[in-house]
């Protein structure tokens, strides 16, 4: 049982580091909840591989610092799509 959890932890951590991705993207990729990913890479990983833990923390810190930018870009895309839909409908 423990080996499968450890394997998941390593898979998640390596995926985040190699792809410089978010907890949300890793959760979607591996079919687990965001809470599971977060606990795996912030608590469990610390106990089993501290060097990998530190690399994951760098990616997560960068994501946290950039999240307001990603949110703004998502909002911009949303309203651009809405405006485009109005142009197509002749509104």
PDB file of N, CA and C in Angstrom:
ATOM      1  N   UNK A   1       0.832  -1.199   0.000  1.00  0.00           N
ATOM      2  CA  UNK A   1       0.000   0.000   0.000  1.00  0.00           C
ATOM      3  C   UNK A   1       0.866   1.247   0.000  1.00  0.00           C
ATOM      4  N   UNK A   2       1.834   1.298   0.868  1.00  0.00           N
ATOM      5  CA  UNK A   2       2.676   2.484   0.976  1.00  0.00           C
ATOM      6  C   UNK A   2       3.461   2.732  -0.318  1.00  0.00           C
ATOM      7  N   UNK A   3       3.893   1.682  -0.975  1.00  0.00           N
ATOM      8  CA  UNK A   3       4.654   1.846  -2.214  1.00  0.00           C
ATOM      9  C   UNK A   3       3.844   2.526  -3.294  1.00  0.00           C
ATOM     10  N   UNK A   4       2.541   2.237  -3.373  1.00  0.00           N
ATOM     11  CA  UNK A   4       1.719   2.877  -4.398  1.00  0.00           C
ATOM     12  C   UNK A   4       1.518   4.360  -4.090  1.00  0.00           C
ATOM     13  N   UNK A   5       1.414   4.704  -2.812  1.00  0.00           N
ATOM     14  CA  UNK A   5       1.299   6.119  -2.434  1.00  0.00           C
ATOM     15  C   UNK A   5       2.602   6.838  -2.748  1.00  0.00           C
ATOM     16  N   UNK A   6       3.717   6.207  -2.379  1.00  0.00           N
ATOM     17  CA  UNK A   6       5.021   6.815  -2.678  1.00  0.00           C
ATOM     18  C   UNK A   6       5.208   6.995  -4.180  1.00  0.00           C
ATOM     19  N   UNK A   7       4.787   6.016  -4.961  1.00  0.00           N
ATOM     20  CA  UNK A   7       4.908   6.114  -6.420  1.00  0.00           C
ATOM     21  C   UNK A   7       4.074   7.282  -6.934  1.00  0.00           C
ATOM     22  N   UNK A   8       2.857   7.434  -6.405  1.00  0.00           N
ATOM     23  CA  UNK A   8       1.996   8.557  -6.813  1.00  0.00           C
ATOM     24  C   UNK A   8       2.654   9.885  -6.457  1.00  0.00           C
ATOM     25  N   UNK A   9       3.222   9.957  -5.274  1.00  0.00           N
ATOM     26  CA  UNK A   9       3.870  11.187  -4.829  1.00  0.00           C
ATOM     27  C   UNK A   9       5.007  11.560  -5.786  1.00  0.00           C
ATOM     28  N   UNK A  10       5.851  10.587  -6.111  1.00  0.00           N
ATOM     29  CA  UNK A  10       6.954  10.846  -7.044  1.00  0.00           C
ATOM     30  C   UNK A  10       6.436  11.219  -8.436  1.00  0.00           C
ATOM     31  N   UNK A  11       5.408  10.525  -8.890  1.00  0.00           N
ATOM     32  CA  UNK A  11       4.842  10.841 -10.211  1.00  0.00           C
ATOM     33  C   UNK A  11       4.325  12.284 -10.241  1.00  0.00           C
ATOM     34  N   UNK A  12       3.560  12.659  -9.226  1.00  0.00           N
ATOM     35  CA  UNK A  12       3.009  14.018  -9.167  1.00  0.00           C
ATOM     36  C   UNK A  12       4.112  15.057  -9.094  1.00  0.00           C
ATOM     37  N   UNK A  13       5.069  14.828  -8.213  1.00  0.00           N
ATOM     38  CA  UNK A  13       6.153  15.790  -8.021  1.00  0.00           C
ATOM     39  C   UNK A  13       6.970  15.961  -9.297  1.00  0.00           C
ATOM     40  N   UNK A  14       7.332  14.855  -9.911  1.00  0.00           N
ATOM     41  CA  UNK A  14       8.117  14.931 -11.145  1.00  0.00           C
ATOM     42  C   UNK A  14       7.324  15.598 -12.263  1.00  0.00           C
ATOM     43  N   UNK A  15       6.035  15.315 -12.348  1.00  0.00           N
ATOM     44  CA  UNK A  15       5.199  15.947 -13.365  1.00  0.00           C
ATOM     45  C   UNK A  15       5.169  17.461 -13.177  1.00  0.00           C
ATOM     46  N   UNK A  16       5.005  17.902 -11.941  1.00  0.00           N
ATOM     47  CA  UNK A  16       4.963  19.341 -11.655  1.00  0.00           C
ATOM     48  C   UNK A  16       6.290  19.996 -12.007  1.00  0.00           C
ATOM     49  N   UNK A  17       7.390  19.381 -11.615  1.00  0.00           N
ATOM     50  CA  UNK A  17       8.713  19.967 -11.879  1.00  0.00           C
ATOM     51  C   UNK A  17       9.043  19.946 -13.366  1.00  0.00           C
ATOM     52  N   UNK A  18       8.857  18.816 -14.021  1.00  0.00           N
ATOM     53  CA  UNK A  18       9.232  18.686 -15.434  1.00  0.00           C
ATOM     54  C   UNK A  18       8.396  19.577 -16.347  1.00  0.00           C
ATOM     55  N   UNK A  19       7.126  19.742 -16.016  1.00  0.00           N
ATOM     56  CA  UNK A  19       6.232  20.529 -16.865  1.00  0.00           C
ATOM     57  C   UNK A  19       5.979  21.931 -16.329  1.00  0.00           C
ATOM     58  N   UNK A  20       6.563  22.228 -15.175  1.00  0.00           N
ATOM     59  CA  UNK A  20       6.361  23.517 -14.518  1.00  0.00           C
ATOM     60  C   UNK A  20       4.875  23.869 -14.501  1.00  0.00           C
ATOM     61  N   UNK A  21       4.088  22.947 -14.018  1.00  0.00           N
ATOM     62  CA  UNK A  21       2.643  23.062 -14.076  1.00  0.00           C
ATOM     63  C   UNK A  21       2.038  23.316 -12.702  1.00  0.00           C
ATOM     64  N   UNK A  22       0.735  23.425 -12.665  1.00  0.00           N
ATOM     65  CA  UNK A  22       0.020  23.742 -11.437  1.00  0.00           C
ATOM     66  C   UNK A  22      -0.484  22.482 -10.743  1.00  0.00           C
ATOM     67  N   UNK A  23      -0.880  22.646  -9.494  1.00  0.00           N
ATOM     68  CA  UNK A  23      -1.498  21.559  -8.740  1.00  0.00           C
ATOM     69  C   UNK A  23      -2.764  21.101  -9.460  1.00  0.00           C
ATOM     70  N   UNK A  24      -3.527  22.051  -9.953  1.00  0.00           N
ATOM     71  CA  UNK A  24      -4.779  21.729 -10.659  1.00  0.00           C
ATOM     72  C   UNK A  24      -4.501  20.868 -11.895  1.00  0.00           C
ATOM     73  N   UNK A  25      -3.498  21.213 -12.672  1.00  0.00           N
ATOM     74  CA  UNK A  25      -3.170  20.446 -13.876  1.00  0.00           C
ATOM     75  C   UNK A  25      -2.672  19.049 -13.517  1.00  0.00           C
ATOM     76  N   UNK A  26      -1.873  18.935 -12.467  1.00  0.00           N
ATOM     77  CA  UNK A  26      -1.382  17.621 -12.040  1.00  0.00           C
ATOM     78  C   UNK A  26      -2.539  16.759 -11.556  1.00  0.00           C
ATOM     79  N   UNK A  27      -3.469  17.354 -10.831  1.00  0.00           N
ATOM     80  CA  UNK A  27      -4.627  16.613 -10.334  1.00  0.00           C
ATOM     81  C   UNK A  27      -5.452  16.073 -11.497  1.00  0.00           C
ATOM     82  N   UNK A  28      -5.666  16.915 -12.487  1.00  0.00           N
ATOM     83  CA  UNK A  28      -6.442  16.494 -13.654  1.00  0.00           C
ATOM     84  C   UNK A  28      -5.727  15.377 -14.406  1.00  0.00           C
ATOM     85  N   UNK A  29      -4.426  15.523 -14.593  1.00  0.00           N
ATOM     86  CA  UNK A  29      -3.617  14.545 -15.335  1.00  0.00           C
ATOM     87  C   UNK A  29      -3.642  13.173 -14.667  1.00  0.00           C
ATOM     88  N   UNK A  30      -3.581  13.136 -13.328  1.00  0.00           N
ATOM     89  CA  UNK A  30      -3.487  11.871 -12.609  1.00  0.00           C
ATOM     90  C   UNK A  30      -4.816  11.406 -12.010  1.00  0.00           C
ATOM     91  N   UNK A  31      -5.872  12.171 -12.209  1.00  0.00           N
ATOM     92  CA  UNK A  31      -7.187  11.750 -11.763  1.00  0.00           C
ATOM     93  C   UNK A  31      -7.366  11.710 -10.258  1.00  0.00           C
ATOM     94  N   UNK A  32      -6.724  12.643  -9.569  1.00  0.00           N
ATOM     95  CA  UNK A  32      -6.884  12.763  -8.119  1.00  0.00           C
ATOM     96  C   UNK A  32      -7.315  14.186  -7.801  1.00  0.00           C
ATOM     97  N   UNK A  33      -7.712  14.424  -6.562  1.00  0.00           N
ATOM     98  CA  UNK A  33      -8.171  15.753  -6.194  1.00  0.00           C
ATOM     99  C   UNK A  33      -6.995  16.716  -6.009  1.00  0.00           C
ATOM    100  N   UNK A  34      -7.305  18.002  -6.096  1.00  0.00           N
ATOM    101  CA  UNK A  34      -6.279  19.023  -5.858  1.00  0.00           C
ATOM    102  C   UNK A  34      -5.756  18.910  -4.437  1.00  0.00           C
ATOM    103  N   UNK A  35      -6.637  18.570  -3.495  1.00  0.00           N
ATOM    104  CA  UNK A  35      -6.218  18.408  -2.100  1.00  0.00           C
ATOM    105  C   UNK A  35      -5.205  17.288  -1.945  1.00  0.00           C
ATOM    106  N   UNK A  36      -5.418  16.192  -2.655  1.00  0.00           N
ATOM    107  CA  UNK A  36      -4.488  15.066  -2.604  1.00  0.00           C
ATOM    108  C   UNK A  36      -3.129  15.473  -3.154  1.00  0.00           C
ATOM    109  N   UNK A  37      -3.131  16.148  -4.301  1.00  0.00           N
ATOM    110  CA  UNK A  37      -1.867  16.587  -4.896  1.00  0.00           C
ATOM    111  C   UNK A  37      -1.148  17.521  -3.935  1.00  0.00           C
ATOM    112  N   UNK A  38      -1.870  18.479  -3.395  1.00  0.00           N
ATOM    113  CA  UNK A  38      -1.251  19.453  -2.501  1.00  0.00           C
ATOM    114  C   UNK A  38      -0.649  18.761  -1.279  1.00  0.00           C
ATOM    115  N   UNK A  39      -1.388  17.862  -0.661  1.00  0.00           N
ATOM    116  CA  UNK A  39      -0.873  17.156   0.510  1.00  0.00           C
ATOM    117  C   UNK A  39       0.324  16.292   0.138  1.00  0.00           C
ATOM    118  N   UNK A  40       0.247  15.620  -1.006  1.00  0.00           N
ATOM    119  CA  UNK A  40       1.360  14.772  -1.447  1.00  0.00           C
ATOM    120  C   UNK A  40       2.637  15.569  -1.641  1.00  0.00           C
ATOM    121  N   UNK A  41       2.536  16.726  -2.296  1.00  0.00           N
ATOM    122  CA  UNK A  41       3.766  17.448  -2.651  1.00  0.00           C
ATOM    123  C   UNK A  41       4.211  18.462  -1.591  1.00  0.00           C
ATOM    124  N   UNK A  42       3.373  18.736  -0.605  1.00  0.00           N
ATOM    125  CA  UNK A  42       3.807  19.677   0.430  1.00  0.00           C
ATOM    126  C   UNK A  42       4.081  19.006   1.763  1.00  0.00           C
ATOM    127  N   UNK A  43       3.431  17.901   2.047  1.00  0.00           N
ATOM    128  CA  UNK A  43       3.655  17.224   3.333  1.00  0.00           C
ATOM    129  C   UNK A  43       4.364  15.884   3.163  1.00  0.00           C
ATOM    130  N   UNK A  44       3.781  15.010   2.381  1.00  0.00           N
ATOM    131  CA  UNK A  44       4.330  13.660   2.250  1.00  0.00           C
ATOM    132  C   UNK A  44       5.683  13.654   1.552  1.00  0.00           C
ATOM    133  N   UNK A  45       5.835  14.442   0.506  1.00  0.00           N
ATOM    134  CA  UNK A  45       7.094  14.485  -0.241  1.00  0.00           C
ATOM    135  C   UNK A  45       8.242  14.972   0.639  1.00  0.00           C
ATOM    136  N   UNK A  46       7.971  15.908   1.531  1.00  0.00           N
ATOM    137  CA  UNK A  46       8.992  16.437   2.441  1.00  0.00           C
ATOM    138  C   UNK A  46       9.643  15.315   3.246  1.00  0.00           C
ATOM    139  N   UNK A  47       8.843  14.328   3.628  1.00  0.00           N
ATOM    140  CA  UNK A  47       9.345  13.222   4.442  1.00  0.00           C
ATOM    141  C   UNK A  47      10.151  12.205   3.646  1.00  0.00           C
ATOM    142  N   UNK A  48       9.918  12.103   2.344  1.00  0.00           N
ATOM    143  CA  UNK A  48      10.581  11.034   1.584  1.00  0.00           C
ATOM    144  C   UNK A  48      11.671  11.525   0.631  1.00  0.00           C
ATOM    145  N   UNK A  49      11.619  12.790   0.181  1.00  0.00           N
ATOM    146  CA  UNK A  49      12.652  13.291  -0.741  1.00  0.00           C
ATOM    147  C   UNK A  49      12.702  14.813  -0.662  1.00  0.00           C
ATOM    148  N   UNK A  50      13.562  15.316   0.182  1.00  0.00           N
ATOM    149  CA  UNK A  50      13.600  16.763   0.424  1.00  0.00           C
ATOM    150  C   UNK A  50      14.144  17.560  -0.760  1.00  0.00           C
ATOM    151  N   UNK A  51      15.043  17.001  -1.531  1.00  0.00           N
ATOM    152  CA  UNK A  51      15.560  17.757  -2.674  1.00  0.00           C
ATOM    153  C   UNK A  51      14.467  17.934  -3.736  1.00  0.00           C
ATOM    154  N   UNK A  52      13.696  16.888  -3.997  1.00  0.00           N
ATOM    155  CA  UNK A  52      12.582  17.001  -4.937  1.00  0.00           C
ATOM    156  C   UNK A  52      11.512  17.932  -4.371  1.00  0.00           C
ATOM    157  N   UNK A  53      11.272  17.843  -3.074  1.00  0.00           N
ATOM    158  CA  UNK A  53      10.326  18.727  -2.395  1.00  0.00           C
ATOM    159  C   UNK A  53      10.692  20.187  -2.656  1.00  0.00           C
ATOM    160  N   UNK A  54      11.970  20.528  -2.519  1.00  0.00           N
ATOM    161  CA  UNK A  54      12.411  21.914  -2.723  1.00  0.00           C
ATOM    162  C   UNK A  54      12.202  22.355  -4.165  1.00  0.00           C
ATOM    163  N   UNK A  55      12.423  21.468  -5.112  1.00  0.00           N
ATOM    164  CA  UNK A  55      12.201  21.813  -6.517  1.00  0.00           C
ATOM    165  C   UNK A  55      10.718  22.039  -6.796  1.00  0.00           C
ATOM    166  N   UNK A  56       9.864  21.204  -6.209  1.00  0.00           N
ATOM    167  CA  UNK A  56       8.418  21.389  -6.367  1.00  0.00           C
ATOM    168  C   UNK A  56       8.003  22.724  -5.752  1.00  0.00           C
ATOM    169  N   UNK A  57       8.539  23.054  -4.587  1.00  0.00           N
ATOM    170  CA  UNK A  57       8.173  24.294  -3.923  1.00  0.00           C
ATOM    171  C   UNK A  57       8.539  25.521  -4.758  1.00  0.00           C
ATOM    172  N   UNK A  58       9.640  25.445  -5.496  1.00  0.00           N
ATOM    173  CA  UNK A  58      10.016  26.548  -6.397  1.00  0.00           C
ATOM    174  C   UNK A  58       8.942  26.758  -7.462  1.00  0.00           C
ATOM    175  N   UNK A  59       8.478  25.660  -8.052  1.00  0.00           N
ATOM    176  CA  UNK A  59       7.449  25.754  -9.093  1.00  0.00           C
ATOM    177  C   UNK A  59       6.152  26.290  -8.489  1.00  0.00           C
ATOM    178  N   UNK A  60       5.759  25.769  -7.332  1.00  0.00           N
ATOM    179  CA  UNK A  60       4.514  26.213  -6.697  1.00  0.00           C
ATOM    180  C   UNK A  60       4.584  27.683  -6.296  1.00  0.00           C
ATOM    181  N   UNK A  61       5.729  28.127  -5.824  1.00  0.00           N
ATOM    182  CA  UNK A  61       5.885  29.537  -5.454  1.00  0.00           C
ATOM    183  C   UNK A  61       5.775  30.432  -6.683  1.00  0.00           C
ATOM    184  N   UNK A  62       6.373  30.011  -7.793  1.00  0.00           N
ATOM    185  CA  UNK A  62       6.280  30.777  -9.034  1.00  0.00           C
ATOM    186  C   UNK A  62       4.827  30.826  -9.516  1.00  0.00           C
ATOM    187  N   UNK A  63       4.134  29.694  -9.435  1.00  0.00           N
ATOM    188  CA  UNK A  63       2.722  29.660  -9.832  1.00  0.00           C
ATOM    189  C   UNK A  63       1.888  30.597  -8.973  1.00  0.00           C
ATOM    190  N   UNK A  64       2.161  30.608  -7.687  1.00  0.00           N
ATOM    191  CA  UNK A  64       1.405  31.468  -6.782  1.00  0.00           C
ATOM    192  C   UNK A  64       1.647  32.938  -7.114  1.00  0.00           C
ATOM    193  N   UNK A  65       2.886  33.267  -7.427  1.00  0.00           N
ATOM    194  CA  UNK A  65       3.221  34.651  -7.765  1.00  0.00           C
ATOM    195  C   UNK A  65       2.580  35.089  -9.080  1.00  0.00           C
ATOM    196  N   UNK A  66       2.349  34.144  -9.980  1.00  0.00           N
ATOM    197  CA  UNK A  66       1.805  34.464 -11.305  1.00  0.00           C
ATOM    198  C   UNK A  66       0.300  34.264 -11.422  1.00  0.00           C
ATOM    199  N   UNK A  67      -0.345  33.755 -10.394  1.00  0.00           N
ATOM    200  CA  UNK A  67      -1.755  33.382 -10.541  1.00  0.00           C
ATOM    201  C   UNK A  67      -2.658  34.562 -10.856  1.00  0.00           C
ATOM    202  N   UNK A  68      -2.324  35.747 -10.352  1.00  0.00           N
ATOM    203  CA  UNK A  68      -3.158  36.909 -10.669  1.00  0.00           C
ATOM    204  C   UNK A  68      -3.059  37.248 -12.154  1.00  0.00           C
ATOM    205  N   UNK A  69      -1.919  36.967 -12.757  1.00  0.00           N
ATOM    206  CA  UNK A  69      -1.761  37.208 -14.196  1.00  0.00           C
ATOM    207  C   UNK A  69      -2.583  36.214 -15.002  1.00  0.00           C
ATOM    208  N   UNK A  70      -2.541  34.928 -14.593  1.00  0.00           N
ATOM    209  CA  UNK A  70      -3.323  33.903 -15.295  1.00  0.00           C
ATOM    210  C   UNK A  70      -4.813  34.188 -15.170  1.00  0.00           C
ATOM    211  N   UNK A  71      -5.241  34.653 -13.991  1.00  0.00           N
ATOM    212  CA  UNK A  71      -6.652  34.989 -13.797  1.00  0.00           C
ATOM    213  C   UNK A  71      -7.077  36.133 -14.694  1.00  0.00           C
ATOM    214  N   UNK A  72      -6.224  37.139 -14.813  1.00  0.00           N
ATOM    215  CA  UNK A  72      -6.519  38.276 -15.684  1.00  0.00           C
ATOM    216  C   UNK A  72      -6.585  37.868 -17.141  1.00  0.00           C
ATOM    217  N   UNK A  73      -5.692  36.967 -17.547  1.00  0.00           N
ATOM    218  CA  UNK A  73      -5.693  36.499 -18.933  1.00  0.00           C
ATOM    219  C   UNK A  73      -6.951  35.691 -19.218  1.00  0.00           C
ATOM    220  N   UNK A  74      -7.386  34.889 -18.253  1.00  0.00           N
ATOM    221  CA  UNK A  74      -8.602  34.092 -18.435  1.00  0.00           C
ATOM    222  C   UNK A  74      -9.815  34.999 -18.581  1.00  0.00           C
ATOM    223  N   UNK A  75      -9.872  36.049 -17.791  1.00  0.00           N
ATOM    224  CA  UNK A  75     -10.981  36.994 -17.886  1.00  0.00           C
ATOM    225  C   UNK A  75     -10.967  37.709 -19.232  1.00  0.00           C
ATOM    226  N   UNK A  76      -9.793  38.084 -19.689  1.00  0.00           N
ATOM    227  CA  UNK A  76      -9.664  38.744 -20.988  1.00  0.00           C
ATOM    228  C   UNK A  76     -10.150  37.824 -22.108  1.00  0.00           C
ATOM    229  N   UNK A  77      -9.755  36.545 -22.061  1.00  0.00           N
ATOM    230  CA  UNK A  77     -10.209  35.573 -23.075  1.00  0.00           C
ATOM    231  C   UNK A  77     -11.724  35.416 -23.035  1.00  0.00           C
ATOM    232  N   UNK A  78     -12.267  35.353 -21.834  1.00  0.00           N
ATOM    233  CA  UNK A  78     -13.709  35.176 -21.671  1.00  0.00           C
ATOM    234  C   UNK A  78     -14.474  36.297 -22.370  1.00  0.00           C
ATOM    235  N   UNK A  79     -14.073  37.532 -22.095  1.00  0.00           N
ATOM    236  CA  UNK A  79     -14.796  38.652 -22.679  1.00  0.00           C
ATOM    237  C   UNK A  79     -14.513  38.820 -24.159  1.00  0.00           C
ATOM    238  N   UNK A  80     -13.344  38.414 -24.618  1.00  0.00           N
ATOM    239  CA  UNK A  80     -13.060  38.439 -26.051  1.00  0.00           C
ATOM    240  C   UNK A  80     -13.959  37.443 -26.783  1.00  0.00           C
ATOM    241  N   UNK A  81     -14.154  36.264 -26.207  1.00  0.00           N
ATOM    242  CA  UNK A  81     -15.040  35.268 -26.811  1.00  0.00           C
ATOM    243  C   UNK A  81     -16.486  35.745 -26.809  1.00  0.00           C
ATOM    244  N   UNK A  82     -16.897  36.397 -25.724  1.00  0.00           N
ATOM    245  CA  UNK A  82     -18.256  36.933 -25.678  1.00  0.00           C
ATOM    246  C   UNK A  82     -18.459  38.012 -26.742  1.00  0.00           C
ATOM    247  N   UNK A  83     -17.475  38.885 -26.896  1.00  0.00           N
ATOM    248  CA  UNK A  83     -17.574  39.934 -27.891  1.00  0.00           C
ATOM    249  C   UNK A  83     -17.607  39.350 -29.303  1.00  0.00           C
ATOM    250  N   UNK A  84     -16.811  38.321 -29.525  1.00  0.00           N
ATOM    251  CA  UNK A  84     -16.776  37.672 -30.831  1.00  0.00           C
ATOM    252  C   UNK A  84     -18.138  37.036 -31.139  1.00  0.00           C
ATOM    253  N   UNK A  85     -18.765  36.434 -30.135  1.00  0.00           N
ATOM    254  CA  UNK A  85     -20.069  35.823 -30.306  1.00  0.00           C
ATOM    255  C   UNK A  85     -21.126  36.856 -30.659  1.00  0.00           C
ATOM    256  N   UNK A  86     -21.033  38.039 -30.071  1.00  0.00           N
ATOM    257  CA  UNK A  86     -21.979  39.101 -30.389  1.00  0.00           C
ATOM    258  C   UNK A  86     -21.806  39.600 -31.824  1.00  0.00           C
ATOM    259  N   UNK A  87     -20.552  39.649 -32.292  1.00  0.00           N
ATOM    260  CA  UNK A  87     -20.296  40.093 -33.665  1.00  0.00           C
ATOM    261  C   UNK A  87     -20.867  39.083 -34.660  1.00  0.00           C
ATOM    262  N   UNK A  88     -20.725  37.787 -34.364  1.00  0.00           N
ATOM    263  CA  UNK A  88     -21.220  36.755 -35.270  1.00  0.00           C
ATOM    264  C   UNK A  88     -22.741  36.759 -35.329  1.00  0.00           C
ATOM    265  N   UNK A  89     -23.367  37.086 -34.210  1.00  0.00           N
ATOM    266  CA  UNK A  89     -24.832  37.085 -34.137  1.00  0.00           C
ATOM    267  C   UNK A  89     -25.432  38.402 -34.611  1.00  0.00           C
ATOM    268  N   UNK A  90     -24.602  39.338 -34.984  1.00  0.00           N
ATOM    269  CA  UNK A  90     -25.091  40.614 -35.482  1.00  0.00           C
ATOM    270  C   UNK A  90     -25.595  41.553 -34.403  1.00  0.00           C
ATOM    271  N   UNK A  91     -25.191  41.279 -33.187  1.00  0.00           N
ATOM    272  CA  UNK A  91     -25.647  42.141 -32.081  1.00  0.00           C
ATOM    273  C   UNK A  91     -24.764  43.344 -31.924  1.00  0.00           C
TER     274      UNK A  91
END
